[in-house]
Amino acid sequence: FVDGAWLQRHRDGVVVADARWYLDGSSGRGAYDSGHI
């Protein structure tokens, strides 16, 4: 686990991955398109 401050410091050196997914079938891609890091 890392916190937001760690990610902000190291963002240029990591791949940030949005892995949103929903058991009810809602669209993770739609959530990503609505706003992501």
Full PDB file with SEQRES, HELIX, SHEET, SSBOND, CRYST1, ORIGX, SCALE, CONECT and MASTER records, all heavy atoms in Angstrom:
SEQRES   1 A   37  PHE VAL ASP GLY ALA TRP LEU GLN ARG HIS ARG ASP GLY          
SEQRES   2 A   37  VAL VAL VAL ALA ASP ALA ARG TRP TYR LEU ASP GLY SER          
SEQRES   3 A   37  SER GLY ARG GLY ALA TYR ASP SER GLY HIS ILE                  
HELIX    1 AA1 GLY A    4  HIS A   10  1                                   7    
HELIX    2 AA2 ARG A   11  GLY A   13  5                                   3    
HELIX    3 AA3 GLY A   28  SER A   34  1                                   7    
CRYST1    1.000    1.000    1.000  90.00  90.00  90.00 P 1           1          
ORIGX1      1.000000  0.000000  0.000000        0.00000                         
ORIGX2      0.000000  1.000000  0.000000        0.00000                         
ORIGX3      0.000000  0.000000  1.000000        0.00000                         
SCALE1      1.000000  0.000000  0.000000        0.00000                         
SCALE2      0.000000  1.000000  0.000000        0.00000                         
SCALE3      0.000000  0.000000  1.000000        0.00000                         
ATOM      1  N   PHE A   1       0.847  -1.188   0.000  1.00  0.00           N  
ATOM      2  CA  PHE A   1       0.000   0.000   0.000  1.00  0.00           C  
ATOM      3  C   PHE A   1       0.885   1.241   0.000  1.00  0.00           C  
ATOM      4  O   PHE A   1       1.889   1.283   0.720  1.00  0.00           O  
ATOM      5  CB  PHE A   1      -0.896   0.048   1.245  1.00  0.00           C  
ATOM      6  CG  PHE A   1      -1.936  -1.040   1.317  1.00  0.00           C  
ATOM      7  CD1 PHE A   1      -1.614  -2.301   1.802  1.00  0.00           C  
ATOM      8  CD2 PHE A   1      -3.239  -0.812   0.901  1.00  0.00           C  
ATOM      9  CE1 PHE A   1      -2.556  -3.313   1.863  1.00  0.00           C  
ATOM     10  CE2 PHE A   1      -4.196  -1.816   0.966  1.00  0.00           C  
ATOM     11  CZ  PHE A   1      -3.856  -3.072   1.443  1.00  0.00           C  
ATOM     12  N   VAL A   2       0.511   2.242  -0.794  1.00  0.00           N  
ATOM     13  CA  VAL A   2       1.151   3.554  -0.747  1.00  0.00           C  
ATOM     14  C   VAL A   2       0.051   4.610  -0.670  1.00  0.00           C  
ATOM     15  O   VAL A   2      -1.089   4.361  -1.076  1.00  0.00           O  
ATOM     16  CB  VAL A   2       2.054   3.811  -1.965  1.00  0.00           C  
ATOM     17  CG1 VAL A   2       3.202   2.806  -2.012  1.00  0.00           C  
ATOM     18  CG2 VAL A   2       1.263   3.777  -3.268  1.00  0.00           C  
ATOM     19  N   ASP A   3       0.395   5.772  -0.152  1.00  0.00           N  
ATOM     20  CA  ASP A   3      -0.619   6.818  -0.026  1.00  0.00           C  
ATOM     21  C   ASP A   3      -0.531   7.808  -1.183  1.00  0.00           C  
ATOM     22  O   ASP A   3       0.354   7.729  -2.043  1.00  0.00           O  
ATOM     23  CB  ASP A   3      -0.517   7.522   1.329  1.00  0.00           C  
ATOM     24  CG  ASP A   3       0.827   8.213   1.556  1.00  0.00           C  
ATOM     25  OD1 ASP A   3       1.546   8.498   0.581  1.00  0.00           O  
ATOM     26  OD2 ASP A   3       1.142   8.483   2.741  1.00  0.00           O  
ATOM     27  N   GLY A   4      -1.465   8.747  -1.185  1.00  0.00           N  
ATOM     28  CA  GLY A   4      -1.528   9.703  -2.272  1.00  0.00           C  
ATOM     29  C   GLY A   4      -0.295  10.572  -2.381  1.00  0.00           C  
ATOM     30  O   GLY A   4       0.141  10.920  -3.488  1.00  0.00           O  
ATOM     31  N   ALA A   5       0.281  10.943  -1.245  1.00  0.00           N  
ATOM     32  CA  ALA A   5       1.489  11.771  -1.274  1.00  0.00           C  
ATOM     33  C   ALA A   5       2.641  11.010  -1.918  1.00  0.00           C  
ATOM     34  O   ALA A   5       3.436  11.579  -2.686  1.00  0.00           O  
ATOM     35  CB  ALA A   5       1.852  12.202   0.146  1.00  0.00           C  
ATOM     36  N   TRP A   6       2.760   9.714  -1.598  1.00  0.00           N  
ATOM     37  CA  TRP A   6       3.815   8.888  -2.219  1.00  0.00           C  
ATOM     38  C   TRP A   6       3.630   8.858  -3.732  1.00  0.00           C  
ATOM     39  O   TRP A   6       4.581   9.037  -4.497  1.00  0.00           O  
ATOM     40  CB  TRP A   6       3.760   7.476  -1.650  1.00  0.00           C  
ATOM     41  CG  TRP A   6       4.916   6.592  -2.046  1.00  0.00           C  
ATOM     42  CD1 TRP A   6       6.019   6.303  -1.309  1.00  0.00           C  
ATOM     43  CD2 TRP A   6       5.060   5.856  -3.277  1.00  0.00           C  
ATOM     44  NE1 TRP A   6       6.858   5.440  -2.000  1.00  0.00           N  
ATOM     45  CE2 TRP A   6       6.284   5.158  -3.216  1.00  0.00           C  
ATOM     46  CE3 TRP A   6       4.273   5.731  -4.431  1.00  0.00           C  
ATOM     47  CZ2 TRP A   6       6.757   4.352  -4.252  1.00  0.00           C  
ATOM     48  CZ3 TRP A   6       4.740   4.933  -5.474  1.00  0.00           C  
ATOM     49  CH2 TRP A   6       5.961   4.247  -5.378  1.00  0.00           C  
ATOM     50  N   LEU A   7       2.391   8.645  -4.161  1.00  0.00           N  
ATOM     51  CA  LEU A   7       2.131   8.581  -5.602  1.00  0.00           C  
ATOM     52  C   LEU A   7       2.435   9.916  -6.266  1.00  0.00           C  
ATOM     53  O   LEU A   7       3.017   9.957  -7.351  1.00  0.00           O  
ATOM     54  CB  LEU A   7       0.687   8.172  -5.856  1.00  0.00           C  
ATOM     55  CG  LEU A   7       0.274   8.116  -7.333  1.00  0.00           C  
ATOM     56  CD1 LEU A   7       1.180   7.169  -8.117  1.00  0.00           C  
ATOM     57  CD2 LEU A   7      -1.177   7.693  -7.456  1.00  0.00           C  
ATOM     58  N   GLN A   8       2.065  10.993  -5.631  1.00  0.00           N  
ATOM     59  CA  GLN A   8       2.333  12.312  -6.209  1.00  0.00           C  
ATOM     60  C   GLN A   8       3.839  12.541  -6.373  1.00  0.00           C  
ATOM     61  O   GLN A   8       4.288  13.075  -7.391  1.00  0.00           O  
ATOM     62  CB  GLN A   8       1.709  13.399  -5.342  1.00  0.00           C  
ATOM     63  CG  GLN A   8       1.596  14.755  -6.023  1.00  0.00           C  
ATOM     64  CD  GLN A   8       0.736  15.705  -5.220  1.00  0.00           C  
ATOM     65  OE1 GLN A   8       0.854  15.790  -3.997  1.00  0.00           O  
ATOM     66  NE2 GLN A   8      -0.147  16.434  -5.887  1.00  0.00           N  
ATOM     67  N   ARG A   9       4.628  12.095  -5.396  1.00  0.00           N  
ATOM     68  CA  ARG A   9       6.085  12.273  -5.480  1.00  0.00           C  
ATOM     69  C   ARG A   9       6.700  11.418  -6.583  1.00  0.00           C  
ATOM     70  O   ARG A   9       7.686  11.798  -7.199  1.00  0.00           O  
ATOM     71  CB  ARG A   9       6.745  11.901  -4.147  1.00  0.00           C  
ATOM     72  CG  ARG A   9       6.484  12.847  -3.007  1.00  0.00           C  
ATOM     73  CD  ARG A   9       7.464  12.623  -1.862  1.00  0.00           C  
ATOM     74  NE  ARG A   9       7.496  11.242  -1.400  1.00  0.00           N  
ATOM     75  CZ  ARG A   9       6.697  10.743  -0.460  1.00  0.00           C  
ATOM     76  NH1 ARG A   9       5.774  11.527   0.089  1.00  0.00           N  
ATOM     77  NH2 ARG A   9       6.797   9.486  -0.077  1.00  0.00           N  
ATOM     78  N   HIS A  10       6.128  10.223  -6.812  1.00  0.00           N  
ATOM     79  CA  HIS A  10       6.756   9.265  -7.710  1.00  0.00           C  
ATOM     80  C   HIS A  10       5.999   9.062  -9.015  1.00  0.00           C  
ATOM     81  O   HIS A  10       6.340   8.163  -9.784  1.00  0.00           O  
ATOM     82  CB  HIS A  10       6.875   7.905  -7.004  1.00  0.00           C  
ATOM     83  CG  HIS A  10       7.752   7.912  -5.795  1.00  0.00           C  
ATOM     84  ND1 HIS A  10       7.261   8.132  -4.527  1.00  0.00           N  
ATOM     85  CD2 HIS A  10       9.086   7.736  -5.644  1.00  0.00           C  
ATOM     86  CE1 HIS A  10       8.250   8.069  -3.653  1.00  0.00           C  
ATOM     87  NE2 HIS A  10       9.363   7.833  -4.307  1.00  0.00           N  
ATOM     88  N   ARG A  11       5.017   9.896  -9.292  1.00  0.00           N  
ATOM     89  CA  ARG A  11       4.126   9.626 -10.413  1.00  0.00           C  
ATOM     90  C   ARG A  11       4.865   9.463 -11.737  1.00  0.00           C  
ATOM     91  O   ARG A  11       4.502   8.630 -12.564  1.00  0.00           O  
ATOM     92  CB  ARG A  11       3.081  10.740 -10.539  1.00  0.00           C  
ATOM     93  CG  ARG A  11       2.007  10.425 -11.564  1.00  0.00           C  
ATOM     94  CD  ARG A  11       0.976  11.508 -11.670  1.00  0.00           C  
ATOM     95  NE  ARG A  11       1.569  12.779 -12.098  1.00  0.00           N  
ATOM     96  CZ  ARG A  11       0.864  13.849 -12.434  1.00  0.00           C  
ATOM     97  NH1 ARG A  11      -0.453  13.814 -12.348  1.00  0.00           N  
ATOM     98  NH2 ARG A  11       1.445  14.949 -12.810  1.00  0.00           N  
ATOM     99  N   ASP A  12       5.930  10.245 -11.938  1.00  0.00           N  
ATOM    100  CA  ASP A  12       6.644  10.163 -13.216  1.00  0.00           C  
ATOM    101  C   ASP A  12       7.405   8.850 -13.381  1.00  0.00           C  
ATOM    102  O   ASP A  12       7.825   8.516 -14.489  1.00  0.00           O  
ATOM    103  CB  ASP A  12       7.621  11.337 -13.354  1.00  0.00           C  
ATOM    104  CG  ASP A  12       6.902  12.669 -13.519  1.00  0.00           C  
ATOM    105  OD1 ASP A  12       5.703  12.651 -13.862  1.00  0.00           O  
ATOM    106  OD2 ASP A  12       7.536  13.716 -13.307  1.00  0.00           O  
ATOM    107  N   GLY A  13       7.574   8.099 -12.295  1.00  0.00           N  
ATOM    108  CA  GLY A  13       8.334   6.864 -12.372  1.00  0.00           C  
ATOM    109  C   GLY A  13       7.499   5.606 -12.263  1.00  0.00           C  
ATOM    110  O   GLY A  13       8.057   4.505 -12.192  1.00  0.00           O  
ATOM    111  N   VAL A  14       6.172   5.747 -12.242  1.00  0.00           N  
ATOM    112  CA  VAL A  14       5.307   4.568 -12.100  1.00  0.00           C  
ATOM    113  C   VAL A  14       4.244   4.570 -13.184  1.00  0.00           C  
ATOM    114  O   VAL A  14       3.953   5.603 -13.805  1.00  0.00           O  
ATOM    115  CB  VAL A  14       4.612   4.533 -10.707  1.00  0.00           C  
ATOM    116  CG1 VAL A  14       5.632   4.605  -9.589  1.00  0.00           C  
ATOM    117  CG2 VAL A  14       3.585   5.651 -10.581  1.00  0.00           C  
ATOM    118  N   VAL A  15       3.674   3.399 -13.408  1.00  0.00           N  
ATOM    119  CA  VAL A  15       2.473   3.283 -14.230  1.00  0.00           C  
ATOM    120  C   VAL A  15       1.286   3.290 -13.280  1.00  0.00           C  
ATOM    121  O   VAL A  15       1.185   2.443 -12.385  1.00  0.00           O  
ATOM    122  CB  VAL A  15       2.473   1.979 -15.053  1.00  0.00           C  
ATOM    123  CG1 VAL A  15       1.171   1.870 -15.851  1.00  0.00           C  
ATOM    124  CG2 VAL A  15       3.677   1.924 -15.984  1.00  0.00           C  
ATOM    125  N   VAL A  16       0.414   4.266 -13.439  1.00  0.00           N  
ATOM    126  CA  VAL A  16      -0.781   4.360 -12.611  1.00  0.00           C  
ATOM    127  C   VAL A  16      -1.908   3.623 -13.331  1.00  0.00           C  
ATOM    128  O   VAL A  16      -2.168   3.870 -14.515  1.00  0.00           O  
ATOM    129  CB  VAL A  16      -1.176   5.826 -12.353  1.00  0.00           C  
ATOM    130  CG1 VAL A  16      -2.370   5.889 -11.396  1.00  0.00           C  
ATOM    131  CG2 VAL A  16      -0.002   6.611 -11.782  1.00  0.00           C  
ATOM    132  N   ALA A  17      -2.548   2.700 -12.623  1.00  0.00           N  
ATOM    133  CA  ALA A  17      -3.539   1.822 -13.245  1.00  0.00           C  
ATOM    134  C   ALA A  17      -4.898   1.996 -12.589  1.00  0.00           C  
ATOM    135  O   ALA A  17      -5.041   1.799 -11.376  1.00  0.00           O  
ATOM    136  CB  ALA A  17      -3.090   0.366 -13.140  1.00  0.00           C  
ATOM    137  N   ASP A  18      -5.880   2.370 -13.368  1.00  0.00           N  
ATOM    138  CA  ASP A  18      -7.268   2.490 -12.912  1.00  0.00           C  
ATOM    139  C   ASP A  18      -7.939   1.150 -13.149  1.00  0.00           C  
ATOM    140  O   ASP A  18      -8.128   0.729 -14.291  1.00  0.00           O  
ATOM    141  CB  ASP A  18      -7.961   3.605 -13.701  1.00  0.00           C  
ATOM    142  CG  ASP A  18      -9.361   3.914 -13.210  1.00  0.00           C  
ATOM    143  OD1 ASP A  18     -10.136   2.967 -12.994  1.00  0.00           O  
ATOM    144  OD2 ASP A  18      -9.696   5.105 -13.069  1.00  0.00           O  
ATOM    145  N   ALA A  19      -8.290   0.449 -12.077  1.00  0.00           N  
ATOM    146  CA  ALA A  19      -8.837  -0.908 -12.186  1.00  0.00           C  
ATOM    147  C   ALA A  19     -10.281  -0.969 -11.707  1.00  0.00           C  
ATOM    148  O   ALA A  19     -10.718  -1.983 -11.150  1.00  0.00           O  
ATOM    149  CB  ALA A  19      -7.971  -1.880 -11.397  1.00  0.00           C  
ATOM    150  N   ARG A  20     -11.048   0.073 -11.941  1.00  0.00           N  
ATOM    151  CA  ARG A  20     -12.435   0.052 -11.496  1.00  0.00           C  
ATOM    152  C   ARG A  20     -13.252  -0.998 -12.261  1.00  0.00           C  
ATOM    153  O   ARG A  20     -13.121  -1.157 -13.464  1.00  0.00           O  
ATOM    154  CB  ARG A  20     -13.055   1.448 -11.643  1.00  0.00           C  
ATOM    155  CG  ARG A  20     -12.618   2.372 -10.523  1.00  0.00           C  
ATOM    156  CD  ARG A  20     -13.191   3.765 -10.663  1.00  0.00           C  
ATOM    157  NE  ARG A  20     -12.421   4.583 -11.596  1.00  0.00           N  
ATOM    158  CZ  ARG A  20     -12.660   5.864 -11.830  1.00  0.00           C  
ATOM    159  NH1 ARG A  20     -13.666   6.479 -11.196  1.00  0.00           N  
ATOM    160  NH2 ARG A  20     -11.904   6.550 -12.675  1.00  0.00           N  
ATOM    161  N   TRP A  21     -14.068  -1.706 -11.498  1.00  0.00           N  
ATOM    162  CA  TRP A  21     -14.901  -2.807 -12.015  1.00  0.00           C  
ATOM    163  C   TRP A  21     -16.027  -3.012 -11.017  1.00  0.00           C  
ATOM    164  O   TRP A  21     -15.840  -2.819  -9.817  1.00  0.00           O  
ATOM    165  CB  TRP A  21     -14.050  -4.077 -12.132  1.00  0.00           C  
ATOM    166  CG  TRP A  21     -14.751  -5.310 -12.595  1.00  0.00           C  
ATOM    167  CD1 TRP A  21     -14.936  -5.716 -13.888  1.00  0.00           C  
ATOM    168  CD2 TRP A  21     -15.337  -6.339 -11.774  1.00  0.00           C  
ATOM    169  NE1 TRP A  21     -15.598  -6.930 -13.919  1.00  0.00           N  
ATOM    170  CE2 TRP A  21     -15.847  -7.333 -12.633  1.00  0.00           C  
ATOM    171  CE3 TRP A  21     -15.460  -6.515 -10.390  1.00  0.00           C  
ATOM    172  CZ2 TRP A  21     -16.475  -8.481 -12.154  1.00  0.00           C  
ATOM    173  CZ3 TRP A  21     -16.089  -7.655  -9.925  1.00  0.00           C  
ATOM    174  CH2 TRP A  21     -16.593  -8.627 -10.802  1.00  0.00           C  
ATOM    175  N   TYR A  22     -17.202  -3.395 -11.521  1.00  0.00           N  
ATOM    176  CA  TYR A  22     -18.379  -3.470 -10.659  1.00  0.00           C  
ATOM    177  C   TYR A  22     -19.109  -4.794 -10.860  1.00  0.00           C  
ATOM    178  O   TYR A  22     -19.370  -5.210 -11.996  1.00  0.00           O  
ATOM    179  CB  TYR A  22     -19.317  -2.299 -10.961  1.00  0.00           C  
ATOM    180  CG  TYR A  22     -18.623  -0.956 -10.851  1.00  0.00           C  
ATOM    181  CD1 TYR A  22     -18.181  -0.302 -11.998  1.00  0.00           C  
ATOM    182  CD2 TYR A  22     -18.368  -0.390  -9.604  1.00  0.00           C  
ATOM    183  CE1 TYR A  22     -17.519   0.920 -11.903  1.00  0.00           C  
ATOM    184  CE2 TYR A  22     -17.705   0.826  -9.511  1.00  0.00           C  
ATOM    185  CZ  TYR A  22     -17.283   1.471 -10.655  1.00  0.00           C  
ATOM    186  OH  TYR A  22     -16.605   2.667 -10.557  1.00  0.00           O  
ATOM    187  N   LEU A  23     -19.433  -5.423  -9.742  1.00  0.00           N  
ATOM    188  CA  LEU A  23     -20.115  -6.712  -9.783  1.00  0.00           C  
ATOM    189  C   LEU A  23     -21.485  -6.605 -10.439  1.00  0.00           C  
ATOM    190  O   LEU A  23     -21.961  -7.566 -11.042  1.00  0.00           O  
ATOM    191  CB  LEU A  23     -20.254  -7.265  -8.357  1.00  0.00           C  
ATOM    192  CG  LEU A  23     -20.818  -8.672  -8.204  1.00  0.00           C  
ATOM    193  CD1 LEU A  23     -19.923  -9.694  -8.905  1.00  0.00           C  
ATOM    194  CD2 LEU A  23     -20.958  -9.032  -6.723  1.00  0.00           C  
ATOM    195  N   ASP A  24     -22.111  -5.425 -10.361  1.00  0.00           N  
ATOM    196  CA  ASP A  24     -23.455  -5.270 -10.937  1.00  0.00           C  
ATOM    197  C   ASP A  24     -23.430  -5.014 -12.440  1.00  0.00           C  
ATOM    198  O   ASP A  24     -24.472  -4.796 -13.058  1.00  0.00           O  
ATOM    199  CB  ASP A  24     -24.227  -4.161 -10.223  1.00  0.00           C  
ATOM    200  CG  ASP A  24     -23.624  -2.770 -10.434  1.00  0.00           C  
ATOM    201  OD1 ASP A  24     -22.635  -2.636 -11.180  1.00  0.00           O  
ATOM    202  OD2 ASP A  24     -24.148  -1.808  -9.832  1.00  0.00           O  
ATOM    203  N   GLY A  25     -22.244  -5.024 -13.030  1.00  0.00           N  
ATOM    204  CA  GLY A  25     -22.142  -4.838 -14.470  1.00  0.00           C  
ATOM    205  C   GLY A  25     -21.967  -3.407 -14.918  1.00  0.00           C  
ATOM    206  O   GLY A  25     -21.857  -3.135 -16.125  1.00  0.00           O  
ATOM    207  N   SER A  26     -21.955  -2.457 -13.988  1.00  0.00           N  
ATOM    208  CA  SER A  26     -21.698  -1.069 -14.356  1.00  0.00           C  
ATOM    209  C   SER A  26     -20.332  -0.961 -15.034  1.00  0.00           C  
ATOM    210  O   SER A  26     -19.442  -1.788 -14.812  1.00  0.00           O  
ATOM    211  CB  SER A  26     -21.736  -0.167 -13.118  1.00  0.00           C  
ATOM    212  OG  SER A  26     -23.013  -0.190 -12.517  1.00  0.00           O  
ATOM    213  N   SER A  27     -20.169   0.064 -15.841  1.00  0.00           N  
ATOM    214  CA  SER A  27     -18.972   0.183 -16.665  1.00  0.00           C  
ATOM    215  C   SER A  27     -17.804   0.819 -15.920  1.00  0.00           C  
ATOM    216  O   SER A  27     -17.863   1.991 -15.547  1.00  0.00           O  
ATOM    217  CB  SER A  27     -19.282   1.019 -17.912  1.00  0.00           C  
ATOM    218  OG  SER A  27     -18.100   1.286 -18.640  1.00  0.00           O  
ATOM    219  N   GLY A  28     -16.745   0.043 -15.731  1.00  0.00           N  
ATOM    220  CA  GLY A  28     -15.521   0.603 -15.192  1.00  0.00           C  
ATOM    221  C   GLY A  28     -14.905   1.598 -16.149  1.00  0.00           C  
ATOM    222  O   GLY A  28     -14.371   2.631 -15.739  1.00  0.00           O  
ATOM    223  N   ARG A  29     -14.991   1.295 -17.440  1.00  0.00           N  
ATOM    224  CA  ARG A  29     -14.450   2.217 -18.434  1.00  0.00           C  
ATOM    225  C   ARG A  29     -15.211   3.541 -18.418  1.00  0.00           C  
ATOM    226  O   ARG A  29     -14.615   4.612 -18.567  1.00  0.00           O  
ATOM    227  CB  ARG A  29     -14.538   1.584 -19.833  1.00  0.00           C  
ATOM    228  CG  ARG A  29     -14.009   2.490 -20.939  1.00  0.00           C  
ATOM    229  CD  ARG A  29     -12.510   2.622 -20.863  1.00  0.00           C  
ATOM    230  NE  ARG A  29     -12.011   3.820 -21.511  1.00  0.00           N  
ATOM    231  CZ  ARG A  29     -10.799   3.887 -22.081  1.00  0.00           C  
ATOM    232  NH1 ARG A  29     -10.011   2.833 -22.101  1.00  0.00           N  
ATOM    233  NH2 ARG A  29     -10.409   5.011 -22.626  1.00  0.00           N  
ATOM    234  N   GLY A  30     -16.506   3.477 -18.220  1.00  0.00           N  
ATOM    235  CA  GLY A  30     -17.288   4.703 -18.131  1.00  0.00           C  
ATOM    236  C   GLY A  30     -16.869   5.555 -16.946  1.00  0.00           C  
ATOM    237  O   GLY A  30     -16.788   6.786 -17.053  1.00  0.00           O  
ATOM    238  N   ALA A  31     -16.602   4.897 -15.804  1.00  0.00           N  
ATOM    239  CA  ALA A  31     -16.132   5.628 -14.635  1.00  0.00           C  
ATOM    240  C   ALA A  31     -14.784   6.276 -14.915  1.00  0.00           C  
ATOM    241  O   ALA A  31     -14.536   7.429 -14.541  1.00  0.00           O  
ATOM    242  CB  ALA A  31     -16.044   4.683 -13.434  1.00  0.00           C  
ATOM    243  N   TYR A  32     -13.909   5.543 -15.582  1.00  0.00           N  
ATOM    244  CA  TYR A  32     -12.592   6.076 -15.953  1.00  0.00           C  
ATOM    245  C   TYR A  32     -12.740   7.301 -16.852  1.00  0.00           C  
ATOM    246  O   TYR A  32     -12.093   8.334 -16.636  1.00  0.00           O  
ATOM    247  CB  TYR A  32     -11.804   4.979 -16.657  1.00  0.00           C  
ATOM    248  CG  TYR A  32     -10.506   5.427 -17.292  1.00  0.00           C  
ATOM    249  CD1 TYR A  32      -9.323   5.477 -16.552  1.00  0.00           C  
ATOM    250  CD2 TYR A  32     -10.456   5.771 -18.643  1.00  0.00           C  
ATOM    251  CE1 TYR A  32      -8.130   5.867 -17.136  1.00  0.00           C  
ATOM    252  CE2 TYR A  32      -9.268   6.160 -19.239  1.00  0.00           C  
ATOM    253  CZ  TYR A  32      -8.104   6.212 -18.489  1.00  0.00           C  
ATOM    254  OH  TYR A  32      -6.927   6.601 -19.071  1.00  0.00           O  
ATOM    255  N   ASP A  33     -13.589   7.202 -17.851  1.00  0.00           N  
ATOM    256  CA  ASP A  33     -13.766   8.310 -18.791  1.00  0.00           C  
ATOM    257  C   ASP A  33     -14.345   9.542 -18.111  1.00  0.00           C  
ATOM    258  O   ASP A  33     -14.119  10.676 -18.568  1.00  0.00           O  
ATOM    259  CB  ASP A  33     -14.678   7.886 -19.943  1.00  0.00           C  
ATOM    260  CG  ASP A  33     -14.019   6.872 -20.872  1.00  0.00           C  
ATOM    261  OD1 ASP A  33     -12.772   6.787 -20.877  1.00  0.00           O  
ATOM    262  OD2 ASP A  33     -14.759   6.150 -21.582  1.00  0.00           O  
ATOM    263  N   SER A  34     -15.077   9.340 -17.025  1.00  0.00           N  
ATOM    264  CA  SER A  34     -15.685  10.462 -16.306  1.00  0.00           C  
ATOM    265  C   SER A  34     -14.679  11.198 -15.425  1.00  0.00           C  
ATOM    266  O   SER A  34     -14.969  12.290 -14.940  1.00  0.00           O  
ATOM    267  CB  SER A  34     -16.856   9.971 -15.453  1.00  0.00           C  
ATOM    268  OG  SER A  34     -17.888   9.460 -16.270  1.00  0.00           O  
ATOM    269  N   GLY A  35     -13.523  10.617 -15.201  1.00  0.00           N  
ATOM    270  CA  GLY A  35     -12.493  11.258 -14.390  1.00  0.00           C  
ATOM    271  C   GLY A  35     -11.552  10.243 -13.803  1.00  0.00           C  
ATOM    272  O   GLY A  35     -11.992   9.305 -13.133  1.00  0.00           O  
ATOM    273  N   HIS A  36     -10.267  10.410 -14.072  1.00  0.00           N  
ATOM    274  CA  HIS A  36      -9.251   9.481 -13.576  1.00  0.00           C  
ATOM    275  C   HIS A  36      -8.008  10.250 -13.170  1.00  0.00           C  
ATOM    276  O   HIS A  36      -7.847  11.441 -13.514  1.00  0.00           O  
ATOM    277  CB  HIS A  36      -8.907   8.432 -14.635  1.00  0.00           C  
ATOM    278  CG  HIS A  36      -8.491   9.019 -15.963  1.00  0.00           C  
ATOM    279  ND1 HIS A  36      -7.232   9.492 -16.220  1.00  0.00           N  
ATOM    280  CD2 HIS A  36      -9.200   9.218 -17.104  1.00  0.00           C  
ATOM    281  CE1 HIS A  36      -7.152   9.953 -17.447  1.00  0.00           C  
ATOM    282  NE2 HIS A  36      -8.347   9.803 -18.015  1.00  0.00           N  
ATOM    283  N   ILE A  37      -7.147   9.604 -12.427  1.00  0.00           N  
ATOM    284  CA  ILE A  37      -5.885  10.232 -12.046  1.00  0.00           C  
ATOM    285  C   ILE A  37      -5.095  10.514 -13.318  1.00  0.00           C  
ATOM    286  O   ILE A  37      -5.029   9.669 -14.212  1.00  0.00           O  
ATOM    287  CB  ILE A  37      -5.107   9.313 -11.088  1.00  0.00           C  
ATOM    288  CG1 ILE A  37      -5.851   9.213  -9.743  1.00  0.00           C  
ATOM    289  CG2 ILE A  37      -3.685   9.822 -10.862  1.00  0.00           C  
ATOM    290  CD1 ILE A  37      -5.233   8.240  -8.770  1.00  0.00           C  
TER     291      ILE A  37                                                      
MASTER        0    0    0    3    0    0    0    6  290    1    0    3          
END                                                                             
